[in-house]
């Protein structure tokens, strides 16, 4: 078993060297660079993958795949600002892709920037009002904002934010949304948490 594991590790190292040499011998070949960056990311060598992806973008600023992988690599290294920047550049290339807007919102949410997280959730909901994904993202932002800033005991503002989260979750689910939701929990605890008289 030990021998098999060692052989596998050595094999992976050899494959990465093959991909690296292939890319270095053909630096203008975008697919070779993407393949090499993928190999590095697969073994959590994101710091090495990032400059490769940056070079690829410098060669082809329209590469959606390179921008997406750069955003993911930056996110994996917890450089959330750089991740957001890469996603936003990707959005400029493909401004109708709701998934990108939601990814940007998620990055800002992870970075505790609720204002920008909500801004991009709004963009997502404006891009597609059929699936409910954008509305679900707005509910998610409001819920995490409420959970992070709520007081003990709850203030009226806390209850308003919780009600907003609940309402957006419910609206999203009526459109078929199946992502992150706390609607059931909020409904179960509505007497303690929600500002019942508040309407969007």
Protein backbone atom coordinates (compact mmCIF):
# COMPACT_ATOMS: atom_id res chain seq x y z
CA UNK A 1 0.00 0.00 0.00
CA UNK A 2 2.82 2.33 0.89
CA UNK A 3 4.55 1.58 -2.42
CA UNK A 4 1.35 2.19 -4.36
CA UNK A 5 0.81 5.53 -2.62
CA UNK A 6 4.38 6.64 -3.29
CA UNK A 7 4.12 5.62 -6.93
CA UNK A 8 0.93 7.63 -7.31
CA UNK A 9 2.54 10.73 -5.79
CA UNK A 10 5.60 10.42 -8.01
CA UNK A 11 3.33 9.89 -11.00
CA UNK A 12 1.42 13.07 -10.21
CA UNK A 13 4.67 15.02 -9.84
CA UNK A 14 5.87 13.72 -13.20
CA UNK A 15 2.58 14.67 -14.87
CA UNK A 16 2.79 18.22 -13.48
CA UNK A 17 6.35 18.49 -14.84
CA UNK A 18 5.12 17.32 -18.24
CA UNK A 19 2.33 19.93 -18.24
CA UNK A 20 4.75 22.62 -17.04
CA UNK A 21 7.30 21.89 -19.78
CA UNK A 22 4.58 21.72 -22.42
CA UNK A 23 3.29 25.14 -21.33
CA UNK A 24 6.78 26.69 -21.01
CA UNK A 25 7.65 25.46 -24.49
CA UNK A 26 4.39 26.92 -25.85
CA UNK A 27 3.61 29.93 -23.64
CA UNK A 28 1.21 31.39 -26.20
CA UNK A 29 -0.97 28.28 -26.10
CA UNK A 30 -3.87 29.15 -23.80
CA UNK A 31 -5.11 25.59 -23.35
CA UNK A 32 -1.66 24.39 -22.27
CA UNK A 33 -1.53 27.13 -19.67
CA UNK A 34 -5.01 26.29 -18.39
CA UNK A 35 -4.07 22.60 -18.15
CA UNK A 36 -0.93 23.43 -16.19
CA UNK A 37 -2.78 25.78 -13.83
CA UNK A 38 -5.39 23.05 -13.30
CA UNK A 39 -2.71 20.55 -12.35
CA UNK A 40 -1.25 22.98 -9.83
CA UNK A 41 -4.68 23.73 -8.34
CA UNK A 42 -5.49 20.04 -8.02
CA UNK A 43 -2.65 19.70 -5.50
CA UNK A 44 -3.49 23.00 -3.73
CA UNK A 45 -0.58 24.88 -5.29
CA UNK A 46 -2.79 27.88 -5.94
CA UNK A 47 0.01 30.38 -5.31
CA UNK A 48 1.85 28.88 -8.28
CA UNK A 49 -1.27 28.68 -10.42
CA UNK A 50 -2.17 32.35 -9.97
CA UNK A 51 0.80 33.87 -11.90
CA UNK A 52 0.27 31.35 -14.70
CA UNK A 53 -3.36 32.43 -15.01
CA UNK A 54 -2.39 36.10 -14.84
CA UNK A 55 -0.01 35.60 -17.77
CA UNK A 56 -2.72 33.85 -19.74
CA UNK A 57 -5.12 36.74 -19.13
CA UNK A 58 -2.47 39.23 -20.21
CA UNK A 59 -2.22 37.30 -23.49
CA UNK A 60 -5.97 36.92 -23.91
CA UNK A 61 -8.03 39.35 -21.80
CA UNK A 62 -11.23 37.81 -23.18
CA UNK A 63 -10.62 34.36 -21.70
CA UNK A 64 -13.60 33.64 -19.45
CA UNK A 65 -12.10 30.34 -18.32
CA UNK A 66 -8.83 31.95 -17.20
CA UNK A 67 -10.66 34.65 -15.23
CA UNK A 68 -12.92 32.07 -13.58
CA UNK A 69 -9.99 29.89 -12.56
CA UNK A 70 -8.06 32.95 -11.33
CA UNK A 71 -11.02 33.94 -9.16
CA UNK A 72 -11.26 30.42 -7.77
CA UNK A 73 -7.52 30.27 -7.06
CA UNK A 74 -7.59 33.63 -5.27
CA UNK A 75 -10.59 32.50 -3.26
CA UNK A 76 -8.77 29.30 -2.31
CA UNK A 77 -5.88 31.39 -0.94
CA UNK A 78 -8.37 33.60 0.97
CA UNK A 79 -7.50 36.66 -1.11
CA UNK A 80 -11.15 37.57 -1.39
CA UNK A 81 -10.57 41.06 -2.79
CA UNK A 82 -8.56 39.64 -5.69
CA UNK A 83 -11.17 36.93 -6.16
CA UNK A 84 -13.90 39.57 -6.42
CA UNK A 85 -11.80 41.58 -8.88
CA UNK A 86 -11.33 38.55 -11.13
CA UNK A 87 -15.04 37.70 -11.01
CA UNK A 88 -15.97 41.29 -11.80
CA UNK A 89 -13.66 41.29 -14.83
CA UNK A 90 -15.34 38.05 -15.89
CA UNK A 91 -18.73 39.70 -15.50
CA UNK A 92 -17.64 42.50 -17.84
CA UNK A 93 -17.02 39.85 -20.49
CA UNK A 94 -20.28 38.01 -19.82
CA UNK A 95 -22.68 40.50 -18.19
CA UNK A 96 -25.75 38.27 -18.60
CA UNK A 97 -24.43 35.33 -16.57
CA UNK A 98 -26.35 35.26 -13.30
CA UNK A 99 -23.95 32.65 -11.88
CA UNK A 100 -21.08 35.13 -12.03
CA UNK A 101 -23.11 37.81 -10.24
CA UNK A 102 -24.00 35.31 -7.51
CA UNK A 103 -20.36 34.21 -7.22
CA UNK A 104 -19.32 37.86 -6.75
CA UNK A 105 -22.03 38.32 -4.13
CA UNK A 106 -20.83 35.19 -2.32
CA UNK A 107 -17.23 36.42 -2.25
CA UNK A 108 -18.25 39.77 -0.78
CA UNK A 109 -20.49 37.95 1.69
CA UNK A 110 -17.58 35.78 2.77
CA UNK A 111 -15.54 38.96 3.19
CA UNK A 112 -18.30 40.48 5.40
CA UNK A 113 -18.99 43.24 2.88
CA UNK A 114 -22.77 43.09 3.03
CA UNK A 115 -23.33 46.25 1.01
CA UNK A 116 -21.53 44.90 -2.05
CA UNK A 117 -22.89 41.40 -1.48
CA UNK A 118 -26.41 42.84 -1.68
CA UNK A 119 -25.52 44.99 -4.69
CA UNK A 120 -24.49 41.91 -6.66
CA UNK A 121 -27.44 39.89 -5.39
CA UNK A 122 -29.64 42.68 -6.78
CA UNK A 123 -27.85 42.39 -10.12
CA UNK A 124 -28.44 38.65 -10.11
CA UNK A 125 -32.15 39.02 -9.37
CA UNK A 126 -32.49 41.62 -12.15
CA UNK A 127 -30.77 39.32 -14.64
CA UNK A 128 -33.14 36.40 -14.16
CA UNK A 129 -36.54 36.58 -12.50
CA UNK A 130 -37.59 33.08 -13.56
CA UNK A 131 -35.41 30.74 -11.50
CA UNK A 132 -35.50 32.59 -8.18
CA UNK A 133 -31.73 32.21 -7.74
CA UNK A 134 -31.18 35.95 -7.47
CA UNK A 135 -33.98 36.31 -4.93
CA UNK A 136 -32.54 33.40 -2.97
CA UNK A 137 -29.17 35.15 -2.95
CA UNK A 138 -30.78 38.31 -1.57
CA UNK A 139 -32.38 36.24 1.17
CA UNK A 140 -29.00 34.70 1.93
CA UNK A 141 -27.30 38.11 2.21
CA UNK A 142 -30.03 39.49 4.47
CA UNK A 143 -29.96 36.37 6.63
CA UNK A 144 -26.20 36.41 7.16
CA UNK A 145 -26.30 40.15 7.78
CA UNK A 146 -29.01 39.61 10.38
CA UNK A 147 -27.12 36.73 11.97
CA UNK A 148 -23.92 38.76 12.17
CA UNK A 149 -25.32 42.03 13.52
CA UNK A 150 -28.41 41.04 15.54
CA UNK A 151 -28.68 42.27 19.09
CA UNK A 152 -29.84 40.50 22.23
CA UNK A 153 -32.70 41.17 22.71
CA UNK A 154 -33.70 41.70 19.07
CA UNK A 155 -34.29 45.27 17.96
CA UNK A 156 -36.99 46.29 15.48
CA UNK A 157 -34.28 46.66 12.85
CA UNK A 158 -33.19 43.07 13.53
CA UNK A 159 -36.75 41.89 13.01
CA UNK A 160 -37.09 43.89 9.79
CA UNK A 161 -33.92 42.35 8.33
CA UNK A 162 -35.03 38.86 9.36
CA UNK A 163 -38.41 39.47 7.69
CA UNK A 164 -36.68 40.60 4.49
CA UNK A 165 -34.59 37.45 4.48
CA UNK A 166 -37.67 35.29 5.03
CA UNK A 167 -39.70 37.03 2.32
CA UNK A 168 -36.95 36.71 -0.29
CA UNK A 169 -36.42 33.04 0.55
CA UNK A 170 -40.15 32.36 0.17
CA UNK A 171 -40.38 34.29 -3.12
CA UNK A 172 -37.36 32.41 -4.45
CA UNK A 173 -38.72 29.02 -3.43
CA UNK A 174 -42.02 29.74 -5.17
CA UNK A 175 -39.96 30.07 -8.36
CA UNK A 176 -38.28 26.72 -7.80
CA UNK A 177 -35.18 27.87 -5.91
CA UNK A 178 -33.51 25.00 -4.02
CA UNK A 179 -30.35 26.66 -2.74
CA UNK A 180 -29.43 27.93 0.72
CA UNK A 181 -32.54 28.90 2.67
CA UNK A 182 -33.59 29.47 6.24
CA UNK A 183 -37.25 30.06 5.45
CA UNK A 184 -38.47 27.03 7.42
CA UNK A 185 -36.45 27.99 10.50
CA UNK A 186 -37.48 31.63 10.31
CA UNK A 187 -41.13 30.63 9.92
CA UNK A 188 -40.86 28.26 12.87
CA UNK A 189 -39.47 31.06 15.03
CA UNK A 190 -41.43 33.96 13.52
CA UNK A 191 -43.02 35.06 16.80
CA UNK A 192 -39.61 35.62 18.35
CA UNK A 193 -37.70 36.84 15.29
CA UNK A 194 -39.83 38.35 12.53
CA UNK A 195 -41.39 41.78 12.38
CA UNK A 196 -44.78 40.41 11.30
CA UNK A 197 -46.42 43.72 10.34
CA UNK A 198 -43.57 44.62 7.96
CA UNK A 199 -44.29 44.14 4.25
CA UNK A 200 -41.76 44.50 1.40
